[in-house]
Amino acid sequence: MGRAPSGSRNAITDVDGVTVGHRTLDEPAAVNTGVTVVDPTDAVAFEQPVTGNAFVLNGFGKSTGLMQVRELGTIETPLALTNTLDVGTAASALVDHTLAAGPDVRSVNPLVLECNDGYLHDIRGRHVSAADVHAALDVTGKSVPEGAVGAGRGMTAFGRKGGIGTASRRVEIADESRSVGVLVLANFGRLRDLRVGGVPVGQRLAAESSAGESTLDGEQGEDADSAGDRNDGSIAMVVATDVPLTARQLGRVAKRAPLGMARTGGYAHHGSGDLAVAFSNAPSGADAAADAALDSLFEGAVDATEEAILSALFEAERTEGRDGHVVDALDPAAVEDALQSDAWA
């Protein structure tokens, strides 16, 4: 996607200092959920906060910590992603994690992003524990498994299995090679709207779906038992870079991530929770890049977001969930056939 090359891992962890960890909970026919954490720095985040900002495209969501990030322009904990009803558990665990590292801490802003996985998962059971969050924190590293892992275990996108996706780009800023990486929790979209490389392949895929095949469209919002043609959904997008930026500039970067979402067929409907958090872990005191030099960074953020969403789809596998609910994986061969169809000529 785009002109800029990807990093060596094609992951958010191509940004130096950034690590990712998953804890996946998958008990047959009931529990399909988990936790994913993005640690923005190899230092203690509370002691050396990174510069950050957030953009809410459509605020049908229950994330926590965004208000202070937008007000102060700093991120002082790892970012946790999980299901909607376990946001409180994840936030409490991040507080515990921070208190354990700093005996003098009296206030901390835990940052937790969420999507609703209630179609495949017994979300009312609130199965994620603080121990699960700590387990994800304990295994953070440079390798980033994708698809139905961690927080992505029970997520659905474009009527097919969604979840975690990641990608990165190398960009030139003021004659220096820099990194921008994206991680998404994809849980949105209708199959007929899916686009791959700008081609509306979802129209053909939806038309070819048999009457007995699952065509679940988007996440399932407040009424997670409703399959079918839904307009609601969610996506959490995390953008990381090593480019020295101010919080204001990171707000501009965060606004670009939804453009990548739109390229895949996302419309940010009424019931959709769509947001992006962007941070820079460049050394404190480094001179911020000039605004006029940021175009390549903007392009890289858009392209990496688009690819991360598609990667979440292509890396996920068919998942059986609660009450007999099943969500199939996106079929790469069917997508290839749709891409080669004469209909787009």
Foldseek 3Di string as FASTA:
>chain_A
DDDFDWAPQQFQLSAPAKWKFFQFDDDPQAAQFAKMWIFQGVDQCQVPWFFKAKDWPAALADKFLRVVCHVPRTARWIEMEIARLLNVQLQVLRVVVNCVVPVPDDDHGHTYGHWHLVLFHNVVVNPDHSVRNVNRVVPIDSDDQAALTHRQVRADAQLFRFAKFKGKGWFAFPNDTWIKMKIKGHHAFHQQQFDDPQFRLSVVVVVPDDPPDGRFHGADFPNRNDGDDDHEHEMEMEMEIQAAAHNVVNHVLFVLLVLLVVSGRRDNDNNYGYMYMYTHPHDPPDDHGDPVRCPRVSVRNSVGSNRRRVRNQQSYAWDAGHPRDIGGGDDPVSSVCSVPDPVVD
